[in-house]
PDB file of all heavy atoms in Angstrom:
ATOM      1  N   LEU A   1       0.840  -1.118   0.014  1.00  0.00           N
ATOM      2  CA  LEU A   1       0.038  -0.002  -0.027  1.00  0.00           C
ATOM      3  C   LEU A   1       0.861   1.175   0.002  1.00  0.00           C
ATOM      4  O   LEU A   1       1.646   1.469   0.934  1.00  0.00           O
ATOM      5  CB  LEU A   1      -0.918   0.065   1.185  1.00  0.00           C
ATOM      6  CG  LEU A   1      -1.652   1.327   1.540  1.00  0.00           C
ATOM      7  CD1 LEU A   1      -2.678   1.639   0.378  1.00  0.00           C
ATOM      8  CD2 LEU A   1      -2.351   1.261   2.842  1.00  0.00           C
ATOM      9  N   GLY A   2       0.632   2.086  -1.036  1.00  0.00           N
ATOM     10  CA  GLY A   2       1.414   3.304  -1.106  1.00  0.00           C
ATOM     11  C   GLY A   2       0.486   4.444  -0.682  1.00  0.00           C
ATOM     12  O   GLY A   2      -0.510   4.791  -1.326  1.00  0.00           O
ATOM     13  N   ILE A   3       0.794   5.221   0.427  1.00  0.00           N
ATOM     14  CA  ILE A   3      -0.042   6.219   0.912  1.00  0.00           C
ATOM     15  C   ILE A   3       0.538   7.511   0.447  1.00  0.00           C
ATOM     16  O   ILE A   3       1.760   7.859   0.839  1.00  0.00           O
ATOM     17  CB  ILE A   3      -0.152   6.211   2.340  1.00  0.00           C
ATOM     18  CG1 ILE A   3      -0.704   4.931   2.719  1.00  0.00           C
ATOM     19  CG2 ILE A   3      -0.873   7.383   2.890  1.00  0.00           C
ATOM     20  CD1 ILE A   3      -0.831   4.698   4.345  1.00  0.00           C
ATOM     21  N   LEU A   4      -0.130   8.370  -0.354  1.00  0.00           N
ATOM     22  CA  LEU A   4       0.324   9.634  -0.653  1.00  0.00           C
ATOM     23  C   LEU A   4      -0.287  10.732   0.147  1.00  0.00           C
ATOM     24  O   LEU A   4      -1.430  11.137   0.038  1.00  0.00           O
ATOM     25  CB  LEU A   4      -0.178   9.824  -2.117  1.00  0.00           C
ATOM     26  CG  LEU A   4       0.083  11.217  -2.909  1.00  0.00           C
ATOM     27  CD1 LEU A   4       1.520  11.658  -2.661  1.00  0.00           C
ATOM     28  CD2 LEU A   4      -0.305  11.219  -4.295  1.00  0.00           C
ATOM     29  N   GLY A   5       0.526  11.174   1.131  1.00  0.00           N
ATOM     30  CA  GLY A   5       0.089  12.074   2.085  1.00  0.00           C
ATOM     31  C   GLY A   5      -0.029  11.393   3.452  1.00  0.00           C
ATOM     32  O   GLY A   5      -0.982  10.747   3.705  1.00  0.00           O
ATOM     33  N   MET A   6       0.909  11.576   4.354  1.00  0.00           N
ATOM     34  CA  MET A   6       0.961  10.841   5.581  1.00  0.00           C
ATOM     35  C   MET A   6       0.678  11.860   6.722  1.00  0.00           C
ATOM     36  O   MET A   6       1.395  11.847   7.801  1.00  0.00           O
ATOM     37  CB  MET A   6       2.360  10.272   5.754  1.00  0.00           C
ATOM     38  CG  MET A   6       2.387   9.064   6.739  1.00  0.00           C
ATOM     39  SD  MET A   6       1.340   7.700   6.341  1.00  0.00           S
ATOM     40  CE  MET A   6       2.233   6.280   6.689  1.00  0.00           C
ATOM     41  N   GLY A   7      -0.471  12.498   6.688  1.00  0.00           N
ATOM     42  CA  GLY A   7      -0.991  13.328   7.788  1.00  0.00           C
ATOM     43  C   GLY A   7      -1.721  12.480   8.668  1.00  0.00           C
ATOM     44  O   GLY A   7      -1.547  11.318   8.841  1.00  0.00           O
ATOM     45  N   ARG A   8      -2.798  13.185   9.313  1.00  0.00           N
ATOM     46  CA  ARG A   8      -3.767  12.356  10.354  1.00  0.00           C
ATOM     47  C   ARG A   8      -4.345  11.218   9.654  1.00  0.00           C
ATOM     48  O   ARG A   8      -4.252  10.138  10.202  1.00  0.00           O
ATOM     49  CB  ARG A   8      -4.651  13.356  10.883  1.00  0.00           C
ATOM     50  CG  ARG A   8      -4.045  14.542  11.721  1.00  0.00           C
ATOM     51  CD  ARG A   8      -5.130  15.291  12.168  1.00  0.00           C
ATOM     52  NE  ARG A   8      -4.627  16.625  12.914  1.00  0.00           N
ATOM     53  CZ  ARG A   8      -4.544  17.830  12.231  1.00  0.00           C
ATOM     54  NH1 ARG A   8      -4.854  17.927  10.945  1.00  0.00           N
ATOM     55  NH2 ARG A   8      -4.069  18.787  12.723  1.00  0.00           N
ATOM     56  N   ILE A   9      -4.962  11.424   8.477  1.00  0.00           N
ATOM     57  CA  ILE A   9      -5.648  10.322   7.904  1.00  0.00           C
ATOM     58  C   ILE A   9      -4.736   9.285   7.268  1.00  0.00           C
ATOM     59  O   ILE A   9      -5.085   8.068   7.384  1.00  0.00           O
ATOM     60  CB  ILE A   9      -6.698  10.873   6.760  1.00  0.00           C
ATOM     61  CG1 ILE A   9      -7.683  11.886   7.344  1.00  0.00           C
ATOM     62  CG2 ILE A   9      -7.343   9.851   5.912  1.00  0.00           C
ATOM     63  CD1 ILE A   9      -8.508  12.580   6.421  1.00  0.00           C
ATOM     64  N   GLY A  10      -3.612   9.677   6.595  1.00  0.00           N
ATOM     65  CA  GLY A  10      -2.831   8.758   6.155  1.00  0.00           C
ATOM     66  C   GLY A  10      -2.229   7.895   7.223  1.00  0.00           C
ATOM     67  O   GLY A  10      -2.080   6.587   7.164  1.00  0.00           O
ATOM     68  N   GLN A  11      -1.936   8.396   8.396  1.00  0.00           N
ATOM     69  CA  GLN A  11      -1.389   7.490   9.506  1.00  0.00           C
ATOM     70  C   GLN A  11      -2.517   6.716  10.143  1.00  0.00           C
ATOM     71  O   GLN A  11      -2.223   5.499  10.407  1.00  0.00           O
ATOM     72  CB  GLN A  11      -0.922   8.455  10.613  1.00  0.00           C
ATOM     73  CG  GLN A  11       0.418   9.234  10.260  1.00  0.00           C
ATOM     74  CD  GLN A  11       1.083  10.050  11.239  1.00  0.00           C
ATOM     75  OE1 GLN A  11       0.932   9.725  12.480  1.00  0.00           O
ATOM     76  NE2 GLN A  11       1.448  11.292  10.903  1.00  0.00           N
ATOM     77  N   ALA A  12      -3.702   7.124  10.162  1.00  0.00           N
ATOM     78  CA  ALA A  12      -4.805   6.225  10.637  1.00  0.00           C
ATOM     79  C   ALA A  12      -4.986   5.119   9.615  1.00  0.00           C
ATOM     80  O   ALA A  12      -5.286   3.957   9.981  1.00  0.00           O
ATOM     81  CB  ALA A  12      -6.143   7.109  10.695  1.00  0.00           C
ATOM     82  N   LEU A  13      -4.899   5.477   8.433  1.00  0.00           N
ATOM     83  CA  LEU A  13      -5.068   4.254   7.252  1.00  0.00           C
ATOM     84  C   LEU A  13      -3.823   3.419   7.393  1.00  0.00           C
ATOM     85  O   LEU A  13      -4.044   2.174   7.397  1.00  0.00           O
ATOM     86  CB  LEU A  13      -5.018   4.971   5.982  1.00  0.00           C
ATOM     87  CG  LEU A  13      -4.821   4.000   4.686  1.00  0.00           C
ATOM     88  CD1 LEU A  13      -6.002   3.057   4.688  1.00  0.00           C
ATOM     89  CD2 LEU A  13      -4.724   4.699   3.485  1.00  0.00           C
ATOM     90  N   ALA A  14      -2.637   3.741   7.729  1.00  0.00           N
ATOM     91  CA  ALA A  14      -1.562   2.887   7.944  1.00  0.00           C
ATOM     92  C   ALA A  14      -1.701   1.961   9.053  1.00  0.00           C
ATOM     93  O   ALA A  14      -1.389   0.707   8.963  1.00  0.00           O
ATOM     94  CB  ALA A  14      -0.251   3.585   8.208  1.00  0.00           C
ATOM     95  N   ARG A  15      -2.328   2.428  10.092  1.00  0.00           N
ATOM     96  CA  ARG A  15      -2.649   1.488  11.268  1.00  0.00           C
ATOM     97  C   ARG A  15      -3.660   0.498  10.843  1.00  0.00           C
ATOM     98  O   ARG A  15      -3.454  -0.813  11.233  1.00  0.00           O
ATOM     99  CB  ARG A  15      -3.160   2.376  12.527  1.00  0.00           C
ATOM    100  CG  ARG A  15      -2.052   3.142  13.157  1.00  0.00           C
ATOM    101  CD  ARG A  15      -2.569   3.764  14.507  1.00  0.00           C
ATOM    102  NE  ARG A  15      -3.682   4.666  14.248  1.00  0.00           N
ATOM    103  CZ  ARG A  15      -3.410   6.182  14.167  1.00  0.00           C
ATOM    104  NH1 ARG A  15      -2.151   6.575  14.082  1.00  0.00           N
ATOM    105  NH2 ARG A  15      -4.458   6.870  13.966  1.00  0.00           N
ATOM    106  N   ARG A  16      -4.709   0.809  10.138  1.00  0.00           N
ATOM    107  CA  ARG A  16      -5.541  -0.163   9.669  1.00  0.00           C
ATOM    108  C   ARG A  16      -5.008  -1.060   8.676  1.00  0.00           C
ATOM    109  O   ARG A  16      -5.231  -2.362   8.766  1.00  0.00           O
ATOM    110  CB  ARG A  16      -6.767   0.482   8.982  1.00  0.00           C
ATOM    111  CG  ARG A  16      -7.719   1.215  10.168  1.00  0.00           C
ATOM    112  CD  ARG A  16      -8.591   2.297   9.321  1.00  0.00           C
ATOM    113  NE  ARG A  16      -9.468   2.866  10.278  1.00  0.00           N
ATOM    114  CZ  ARG A  16      -9.294   3.671  11.266  1.00  0.00           C
ATOM    115  NH1 ARG A  16      -7.980   4.078  11.516  1.00  0.00           N
ATOM    116  NH2 ARG A  16     -10.129   4.168  12.130  1.00  0.00           N
ATOM    117  N   ALA A  17      -4.166  -0.671   7.762  1.00  0.00           N
ATOM    118  CA  ALA A  17      -3.531  -1.456   6.833  1.00  0.00           C
ATOM    119  C   ALA A  17      -2.636  -2.563   7.552  1.00  0.00           C
ATOM    120  O   ALA A  17      -2.510  -3.738   7.147  1.00  0.00           O
ATOM    121  CB  ALA A  17      -2.686  -0.662   5.773  1.00  0.00           C
ATOM    122  N   ASN A  18      -1.929  -2.209   8.543  1.00  0.00           N
ATOM    123  CA  ASN A  18      -1.053  -3.105   9.255  1.00  0.00           C
ATOM    124  C   ASN A  18      -2.033  -4.153   9.927  1.00  0.00           C
ATOM    125  O   ASN A  18      -1.518  -5.407   9.905  1.00  0.00           O
ATOM    126  CB  ASN A  18      -0.446  -2.295  10.528  1.00  0.00           C
ATOM    127  CG  ASN A  18       0.870  -1.589   9.930  1.00  0.00           C
ATOM    128  OD1 ASN A  18       1.600  -2.121   9.085  1.00  0.00           O
ATOM    129  ND2 ASN A  18       1.080  -0.394  10.534  1.00  0.00           N
ATOM    130  N   ALA A  19      -3.103  -3.861  10.309  1.00  0.00           N
ATOM    131  CA  ALA A  19      -3.944  -4.823  10.915  1.00  0.00           C
ATOM    132  C   ALA A  19      -4.355  -5.868   9.792  1.00  0.00           C
ATOM    133  O   ALA A  19      -4.762  -7.034  10.218  1.00  0.00           O
ATOM    134  CB  ALA A  19      -5.251  -4.234  11.560  1.00  0.00           C
ATOM    135  N   PHE A  20      -4.492  -5.491   8.652  1.00  0.00           N
ATOM    136  CA  PHE A  20      -4.840  -6.325   7.543  1.00  0.00           C
ATOM    137  C   PHE A  20      -3.657  -7.018   6.879  1.00  0.00           C
ATOM    138  O   PHE A  20      -3.848  -7.806   5.925  1.00  0.00           O
ATOM    139  CB  PHE A  20      -5.604  -5.535   6.394  1.00  0.00           C
ATOM    140  CG  PHE A  20      -7.043  -5.437   6.704  1.00  0.00           C
ATOM    141  CD1 PHE A  20      -7.488  -4.067   7.262  1.00  0.00           C
ATOM    142  CD2 PHE A  20      -8.039  -6.371   6.317  1.00  0.00           C
ATOM    143  CE1 PHE A  20      -8.896  -3.912   7.555  1.00  0.00           C
ATOM    144  CE2 PHE A  20      -9.238  -6.137   6.488  1.00  0.00           C
ATOM    145  CZ  PHE A  20      -9.692  -4.867   7.156  1.00  0.00           C
ATOM    146  N   GLY A  21      -2.488  -6.860   7.452  1.00  0.00           N
ATOM    147  CA  GLY A  21      -1.334  -7.528   6.893  1.00  0.00           C
ATOM    148  C   GLY A  21      -0.806  -6.914   5.605  1.00  0.00           C
ATOM    149  O   GLY A  21      -0.035  -7.661   4.890  1.00  0.00           O
ATOM    150  N   MET A  22      -1.049  -5.594   5.377  1.00  0.00           N
ATOM    151  CA  MET A  22      -0.510  -5.046   4.232  1.00  0.00           C
ATOM    152  C   MET A  22       0.853  -4.417   4.578  1.00  0.00           C
ATOM    153  O   MET A  22       1.183  -4.191   5.705  1.00  0.00           O
ATOM    154  CB  MET A  22      -1.432  -3.831   3.706  1.00  0.00           C
ATOM    155  CG  MET A  22      -2.780  -4.184   3.287  1.00  0.00           C
ATOM    156  SD  MET A  22      -3.801  -2.961   2.549  1.00  0.00           S
ATOM    157  CE  MET A  22      -3.203  -2.936   1.026  1.00  0.00           C
ATOM    158  N   GLN A  23       1.723  -4.228   3.538  1.00  0.00           N
ATOM    159  CA  GLN A  23       3.031  -3.635   3.698  1.00  0.00           C
ATOM    160  C   GLN A  23       2.685  -2.101   3.331  1.00  0.00           C
ATOM    161  O   GLN A  23       2.262  -1.672   2.302  1.00  0.00           O
ATOM    162  CB  GLN A  23       3.942  -4.065   2.560  1.00  0.00           C
ATOM    163  CG  GLN A  23       4.294  -5.607   2.820  1.00  0.00           C
ATOM    164  CD  GLN A  23       5.143  -6.110   1.745  1.00  0.00           C
ATOM    165  OE1 GLN A  23       6.095  -5.376   1.248  1.00  0.00           O
ATOM    166  NE2 GLN A  23       4.997  -7.366   1.283  1.00  0.00           N
ATOM    167  N   VAL A  24       3.146  -1.298   4.310  1.00  0.00           N
ATOM    168  CA  VAL A  24       2.825   0.150   4.201  1.00  0.00           C
ATOM    169  C   VAL A  24       4.068   0.943   3.794  1.00  0.00           C
ATOM    170  O   VAL A  24       5.126   0.766   4.291  1.00  0.00           O
ATOM    171  CB  VAL A  24       2.448   0.723   5.591  1.00  0.00           C
ATOM    172  CG1 VAL A  24       2.157   2.167   5.628  1.00  0.00           C
ATOM    173  CG2 VAL A  24       1.186   0.000   6.177  1.00  0.00           C
ATOM    174  N   HIS A  25       3.736   1.729   2.703  1.00  0.00           N
ATOM    175  CA  HIS A  25       4.794   2.621   2.104  1.00  0.00           C
ATOM    176  C   HIS A  25       4.130   4.042   2.142  1.00  0.00           C
ATOM    177  O   HIS A  25       2.919   4.102   2.056  1.00  0.00           O
ATOM    178  CB  HIS A  25       5.203   2.148   0.826  1.00  0.00           C
ATOM    179  CG  HIS A  25       5.818   0.700   0.810  1.00  0.00           C
ATOM    180  ND1 HIS A  25       7.013   0.486   0.595  1.00  0.00           N
ATOM    181  CD2 HIS A  25       5.198  -0.391   0.857  1.00  0.00           C
ATOM    182  CE1 HIS A  25       7.339  -0.753   0.613  1.00  0.00           C
ATOM    183  NE2 HIS A  25       6.097  -1.427   0.778  1.00  0.00           N
ATOM    184  N   TYR A  26       4.971   5.068   2.131  1.00  0.00           N
ATOM    185  CA  TYR A  26       4.281   6.414   1.889  1.00  0.00           C
ATOM    186  C   TYR A  26       5.287   7.435   1.315  1.00  0.00           C
ATOM    187  O   TYR A  26       6.476   7.223   1.372  1.00  0.00           O
ATOM    188  CB  TYR A  26       3.996   6.920   3.332  1.00  0.00           C
ATOM    189  CG  TYR A  26       5.078   7.330   4.222  1.00  0.00           C
ATOM    190  CD1 TYR A  26       5.302   8.755   4.284  1.00  0.00           C
ATOM    191  CD2 TYR A  26       5.811   6.621   4.964  1.00  0.00           C
ATOM    192  CE1 TYR A  26       6.370   9.302   5.111  1.00  0.00           C
ATOM    193  CE2 TYR A  26       6.802   7.084   5.825  1.00  0.00           C
ATOM    194  CZ  TYR A  26       7.065   8.397   5.824  1.00  0.00           C
ATOM    195  OH  TYR A  26       8.035   8.893   6.701  1.00  0.00           O
ATOM    196  N   HIS A  27       4.640   8.399   0.735  1.00  0.00           N
ATOM    197  CA  HIS A  27       5.380   9.643   0.223  1.00  0.00           C
ATOM    198  C   HIS A  27       4.655  10.811   0.845  1.00  0.00           C
ATOM    199  O   HIS A  27       3.497  10.838   0.881  1.00  0.00           O
ATOM    200  CB  HIS A  27       5.254   9.712  -1.195  1.00  0.00           C
ATOM    201  CG  HIS A  27       5.891  10.973  -1.855  1.00  0.00           C
ATOM    202  ND1 HIS A  27       7.243  11.206  -2.088  1.00  0.00           N
ATOM    203  CD2 HIS A  27       5.228  12.194  -2.247  1.00  0.00           C
ATOM    204  CE1 HIS A  27       7.421  12.384  -2.437  1.00  0.00           C
ATOM    205  NE2 HIS A  27       6.227  12.950  -2.639  1.00  0.00           N
ATOM    206  N   ASN A  28       5.504  11.749   1.283  1.00  0.00           N
ATOM    207  CA  ASN A  28       4.960  12.852   2.072  1.00  0.00           C
ATOM    208  C   ASN A  28       5.892  14.052   1.820  1.00  0.00           C
ATOM    209  O   ASN A  28       7.062  13.919   1.478  1.00  0.00           O
ATOM    210  CB  ASN A  28       4.927  12.570   3.577  1.00  0.00           C
ATOM    211  CG  ASN A  28       4.008  13.464   4.231  1.00  0.00           C
ATOM    212  OD1 ASN A  28       2.800  13.615   3.850  1.00  0.00           O
ATOM    213  ND2 ASN A  28       4.384  14.001   5.416  1.00  0.00           N
ATOM    214  N   ARG A  29       5.363  15.269   2.064  1.00  0.00           N
ATOM    215  CA  ARG A  29       6.131  16.440   1.833  1.00  0.00           C
ATOM    216  C   ARG A  29       7.276  16.384   2.796  1.00  0.00           C
ATOM    217  O   ARG A  29       8.373  16.808   2.551  1.00  0.00           O
ATOM    218  CB  ARG A  29       5.318  17.769   2.030  1.00  0.00           C
ATOM    219  CG  ARG A  29       6.032  19.093   1.947  1.00  0.00           C
ATOM    220  CD  ARG A  29       5.014  20.129   1.905  1.00  0.00           C
ATOM    221  NE  ARG A  29       4.152  20.159   3.038  1.00  0.00           N
ATOM    222  CZ  ARG A  29       3.388  21.122   3.494  1.00  0.00           C
ATOM    223  NH1 ARG A  29       3.073  21.995   2.538  1.00  0.00           N
ATOM    224  NH2 ARG A  29       2.513  21.072   4.484  1.00  0.00           N
ATOM    225  N   ARG A  30       7.039  15.925   3.941  1.00  0.00           N
ATOM    226  CA  ARG A  30       8.111  15.793   5.040  1.00  0.00           C
ATOM    227  C   ARG A  30       8.143  14.395   5.565  1.00  0.00           C
ATOM    228  O   ARG A  30       7.155  13.927   5.833  1.00  0.00           O
ATOM    229  CB  ARG A  30       8.054  16.798   6.171  1.00  0.00           C
ATOM    230  CG  ARG A  30       8.149  18.324   5.751  1.00  0.00           C
ATOM    231  CD  ARG A  30       7.976  19.108   7.036  1.00  0.00           C
ATOM    232  NE  ARG A  30       7.944  20.619   6.602  1.00  0.00           N
ATOM    233  CZ  ARG A  30       6.877  21.293   6.316  1.00  0.00           C
ATOM    234  NH1 ARG A  30       5.693  20.756   6.412  1.00  0.00           N
ATOM    235  NH2 ARG A  30       7.009  22.610   6.033  1.00  0.00           N
ATOM    236  N   ARG A  31       9.316  13.863   5.822  1.00  0.00           N
ATOM    237  CA  ARG A  31       9.473  12.549   6.305  1.00  0.00           C
ATOM    238  C   ARG A  31       9.091  12.449   7.701  1.00  0.00           C
ATOM    239  O   ARG A  31       9.300  13.552   8.503  1.00  0.00           O
ATOM    240  CB  ARG A  31      10.771  12.045   6.178  1.00  0.00           C
ATOM    241  CG  ARG A  31      11.013  10.594   6.618  1.00  0.00           C
ATOM    242  CD  ARG A  31      12.352   9.988   6.235  1.00  0.00           C
ATOM    243  NE  ARG A  31      12.445   8.628   6.558  1.00  0.00           N
ATOM    244  CZ  ARG A  31      13.493   7.804   6.267  1.00  0.00           C
ATOM    245  NH1 ARG A  31      14.429   8.330   5.508  1.00  0.00           N
ATOM    246  NH2 ARG A  31      13.576   6.544   6.649  1.00  0.00           N
ATOM    247  N   LEU A  32       8.366  11.517   8.239  1.00  0.00           N
ATOM    248  CA  LEU A  32       7.997  11.350   9.594  1.00  0.00           C
ATOM    249  C   LEU A  32       9.291  11.055  10.454  1.00  0.00           C
ATOM    250  O   LEU A  32      10.209  10.613   9.938  1.00  0.00           O
ATOM    251  CB  LEU A  32       6.894  10.158   9.818  1.00  0.00           C
ATOM    252  CG  LEU A  32       5.761  10.293   8.983  1.00  0.00           C
ATOM    253  CD1 LEU A  32       4.823   9.051   9.138  1.00  0.00           C
ATOM    254  CD2 LEU A  32       4.863  11.569   9.303  1.00  0.00           C
ATOM    255  N   ARG A  33       9.105  11.261  11.754  1.00  0.00           N
ATOM    256  CA  ARG A  33      10.119  10.794  12.667  1.00  0.00           C
ATOM    257  C   ARG A  33      10.338   9.233  12.675  1.00  0.00           C
ATOM    258  O   ARG A  33       9.391   8.536  12.414  1.00  0.00           O
ATOM    259  CB  ARG A  33       9.772  11.302  13.989  1.00  0.00           C
ATOM    260  CG  ARG A  33       9.786  12.947  14.162  1.00  0.00           C
ATOM    261  CD  ARG A  33       9.412  13.217  15.729  1.00  0.00           C
ATOM    262  NE  ARG A  33       8.081  12.778  16.079  1.00  0.00           N
ATOM    263  CZ  ARG A  33       7.432  12.956  17.182  1.00  0.00           C
ATOM    264  NH1 ARG A  33       8.167  13.629  18.131  1.00  0.00           N
ATOM    265  NH2 ARG A  33       6.368  12.436  17.438  1.00  0.00           N
ATOM    266  N   GLU A  34      11.508   9.038  12.909  1.00  0.00           N
ATOM    267  CA  GLU A  34      11.919   7.554  12.965  1.00  0.00           C
ATOM    268  C   GLU A  34      10.920   6.634  13.804  1.00  0.00           C
ATOM    269  O   GLU A  34      10.475   5.496  13.431  1.00  0.00           O
ATOM    270  CB  GLU A  34      13.346   7.374  13.301  1.00  0.00           C
ATOM    271  CG  GLU A  34      14.342   7.742  12.310  1.00  0.00           C
ATOM    272  CD  GLU A  34      15.704   7.423  12.705  1.00  0.00           C
ATOM    273  OE1 GLU A  34      15.950   6.565  13.646  1.00  0.00           O
ATOM    274  OE2 GLU A  34      16.713   7.878  11.992  1.00  0.00           O
ATOM    275  N   GLU A  35      10.685   7.066  15.085  1.00  0.00           N
ATOM    276  CA  GLU A  35       9.812   6.423  15.925  1.00  0.00           C
ATOM    277  C   GLU A  35       8.353   6.355  15.405  1.00  0.00           C
ATOM    278  O   GLU A  35       7.794   5.297  15.593  1.00  0.00           O
ATOM    279  CB  GLU A  35       9.801   7.100  17.366  1.00  0.00           C
ATOM    280  CG  GLU A  35       9.425   8.522  17.348  1.00  0.00           C
ATOM    281  CD  GLU A  35      10.644   9.453  17.232  1.00  0.00           C
ATOM    282  OE1 GLU A  35      11.610   9.232  16.505  1.00  0.00           O
ATOM    283  OE2 GLU A  35      10.534  10.591  17.864  1.00  0.00           O
ATOM    284  N   THR A  36       7.842   7.372  14.698  1.00  0.00           N
ATOM    285  CA  THR A  36       6.527   7.271  14.033  1.00  0.00           C
ATOM    286  C   THR A  36       6.481   6.229  12.980  1.00  0.00           C
ATOM    287  O   THR A  36       5.698   5.448  12.829  1.00  0.00           O
ATOM    288  CB  THR A  36       6.162   8.569  13.444  1.00  0.00           C
ATOM    289  OG1 THR A  36       6.227   9.594  14.667  1.00  0.00           O
ATOM    290  CG2 THR A  36       4.704   8.538  13.042  1.00  0.00           C
ATOM    291  N   GLU A  37       7.637   6.246  12.056  1.00  0.00           N
ATOM    292  CA  GLU A  37       7.663   5.252  11.007  1.00  0.00           C
ATOM    293  C   GLU A  37       7.721   3.902  11.632  1.00  0.00           C
ATOM    294  O   GLU A  37       7.046   2.948  11.151  1.00  0.00           O
ATOM    295  CB  GLU A  37       8.902   5.550  10.222  1.00  0.00           C
ATOM    296  CG  GLU A  37       8.966   6.640   9.281  1.00  0.00           C
ATOM    297  CD  GLU A  37      10.111   6.742   8.337  1.00  0.00           C
ATOM    298  OE1 GLU A  37      11.182   6.075   8.668  1.00  0.00           O
ATOM    299  OE2 GLU A  37      10.063   7.531   7.397  1.00  0.00           O
ATOM    300  N   ALA A  38       8.494   3.653  12.672  1.00  0.00           N
ATOM    301  CA  ALA A  38       8.583   2.379  13.338  1.00  0.00           C
ATOM    302  C   ALA A  38       7.159   1.907  13.901  1.00  0.00           C
ATOM    303  O   ALA A  38       6.809   0.695  13.762  1.00  0.00           O
ATOM    304  CB  ALA A  38       9.598   2.414  14.435  1.00  0.00           C
ATOM    305  N   ASP A  39       6.530   2.847  14.487  1.00  0.00           N
ATOM    306  CA  ASP A  39       5.178   2.564  15.079  1.00  0.00           C
ATOM    307  C   ASP A  39       4.224   2.176  13.982  1.00  0.00           C
ATOM    308  O   ASP A  39       3.460   1.257  14.164  1.00  0.00           O
ATOM    309  CB  ASP A  39       4.737   3.735  15.883  1.00  0.00           C
ATOM    310  CG  ASP A  39       3.300   3.516  16.490  1.00  0.00           C
ATOM    311  OD1 ASP A  39       3.167   2.450  17.205  1.00  0.00           O
ATOM    312  OD2 ASP A  39       2.400   4.162  16.221  1.00  0.00           O
ATOM    313  N   LEU A  40       4.354   2.772  12.865  1.00  0.00           N
ATOM    314  CA  LEU A  40       3.375   2.560  11.740  1.00  0.00           C
ATOM    315  C   LEU A  40       3.860   1.438  10.841  1.00  0.00           C
ATOM    316  O   LEU A  40       3.211   1.158   9.809  1.00  0.00           O
ATOM    317  CB  LEU A  40       3.076   3.856  10.893  1.00  0.00           C
ATOM    318  CG  LEU A  40       2.490   5.028  11.668  1.00  0.00           C
ATOM    319  CD1 LEU A  40       2.436   6.270  10.751  1.00  0.00           C
ATOM    320  CD2 LEU A  40       1.090   4.634  12.036  1.00  0.00           C
ATOM    321  N   LYS A  41       5.027   0.937  10.945  1.00  0.00           N
ATOM    322  CA  LYS A  41       5.721   0.001  10.157  1.00  0.00           C
ATOM    323  C   LYS A  41       5.665   0.449   8.699  1.00  0.00           C
ATOM    324  O   LYS A  41       5.440  -0.321   7.818  1.00  0.00           O
ATOM    325  CB  LYS A  41       4.985  -1.321  10.267  1.00  0.00           C
ATOM    326  CG  LYS A  41       5.090  -1.921  11.711  1.00  0.00           C
ATOM    327  CD  LYS A  41       4.317  -3.299  11.708  1.00  0.00           C
ATOM    328  CE  LYS A  41       4.259  -3.755  13.218  1.00  0.00           C
ATOM    329  NZ  LYS A  41       3.352  -5.021  13.168  1.00  0.00           N
ATOM    330  N   ALA A  42       6.123   1.714   8.484  1.00  0.00           N
ATOM    331  CA  ALA A  42       5.988   2.386   7.126  1.00  0.00           C
ATOM    332  C   ALA A  42       7.276   2.602   6.636  1.00  0.00           C
ATOM    333  O   ALA A  42       8.215   3.176   7.401  1.00  0.00           O
ATOM    334  CB  ALA A  42       5.154   3.635   7.328  1.00  0.00           C
ATOM    335  N   ARG A  43       7.533   2.511   5.412  1.00  0.00           N
ATOM    336  CA  ARG A  43       8.699   2.762   4.557  1.00  0.00           C
ATOM    337  C   ARG A  43       8.490   4.132   3.818  1.00  0.00           C
ATOM    338  O   ARG A  43       7.597   4.243   3.097  1.00  0.00           O
ATOM    339  CB  ARG A  43       9.087   1.703   3.713  1.00  0.00           C
ATOM    340  CG  ARG A  43      10.348   2.072   2.860  1.00  0.00           C
ATOM    341  CD  ARG A  43      10.620   0.984   1.823  1.00  0.00           C
ATOM    342  NE  ARG A  43      11.588   1.376   0.979  1.00  0.00           N
ATOM    343  CZ  ARG A  43      12.161   0.710  -0.040  1.00  0.00           C
ATOM    344  NH1 ARG A  43      11.686  -0.506  -0.298  1.00  0.00           N
ATOM    345  NH2 ARG A  43      13.132   1.231  -0.900  1.00  0.00           N
ATOM    346  N   TYR A  44       9.415   5.036   3.966  1.00  0.00           N
ATOM    347  CA  TYR A  44       9.357   6.375   3.178  1.00  0.00           C
ATOM    348  C   TYR A  44      10.048   6.203   1.906  1.00  0.00           C
ATOM    349  O   TYR A  44      11.055   5.719   1.747  1.00  0.00           O
ATOM    350  CB  TYR A  44      10.017   7.407   4.083  1.00  0.00           C
ATOM    351  CG  TYR A  44      10.122   8.759   3.427  1.00  0.00           C
ATOM    352  CD1 TYR A  44       8.975   9.495   3.210  1.00  0.00           C
ATOM    353  CD2 TYR A  44      11.393   9.298   3.043  1.00  0.00           C
ATOM    354  CE1 TYR A  44       9.123  10.731   2.551  1.00  0.00           C
ATOM    355  CE2 TYR A  44      11.580  10.433   2.394  1.00  0.00           C
ATOM    356  CZ  TYR A  44      10.320  11.214   2.066  1.00  0.00           C
ATOM    357  OH  TYR A  44      10.486  12.408   1.584  1.00  0.00           O
ATOM    358  N   TRP A  45       9.334   6.858   0.954  1.00  0.00           N
ATOM    359  CA  TRP A  45       9.867   7.022  -0.457  1.00  0.00           C
ATOM    360  C   TRP A  45      10.004   8.349  -0.696  1.00  0.00           C
ATOM    361  O   TRP A  45       9.150   9.080  -0.701  1.00  0.00           O
ATOM    362  CB  TRP A  45       8.856   6.340  -1.501  1.00  0.00           C
ATOM    363  CG  TRP A  45       8.914   4.904  -1.377  1.00  0.00           C
ATOM    364  CD1 TRP A  45       8.137   4.234  -0.576  1.00  0.00           C
ATOM    365  CD2 TRP A  45       9.501   3.899  -2.211  1.00  0.00           C
ATOM    366  NE1 TRP A  45       8.316   2.752  -0.767  1.00  0.00           N
ATOM    367  CE2 TRP A  45       9.220   2.551  -1.828  1.00  0.00           C
ATOM    368  CE3 TRP A  45      10.420   4.113  -3.180  1.00  0.00           C
ATOM    369  CZ2 TRP A  45       9.712   1.532  -2.474  1.00  0.00           C
ATOM    370  CZ3 TRP A  45      10.921   2.849  -3.896  1.00  0.00           C
ATOM    371  CH2 TRP A  45      10.493   1.671  -3.478  1.00  0.00           C
TER     372      TRP A  45
END
């Protein structure tokens, strides 16, 4: 799953996607903090 825009809704989507066993990727204007990425299991592009 590639999320374009990792704001509030993007992060809420990432949490749901993790529950479904999806691999979470994202592109954002600014990269999230490392701890947030780790919590969301999200890879930044």
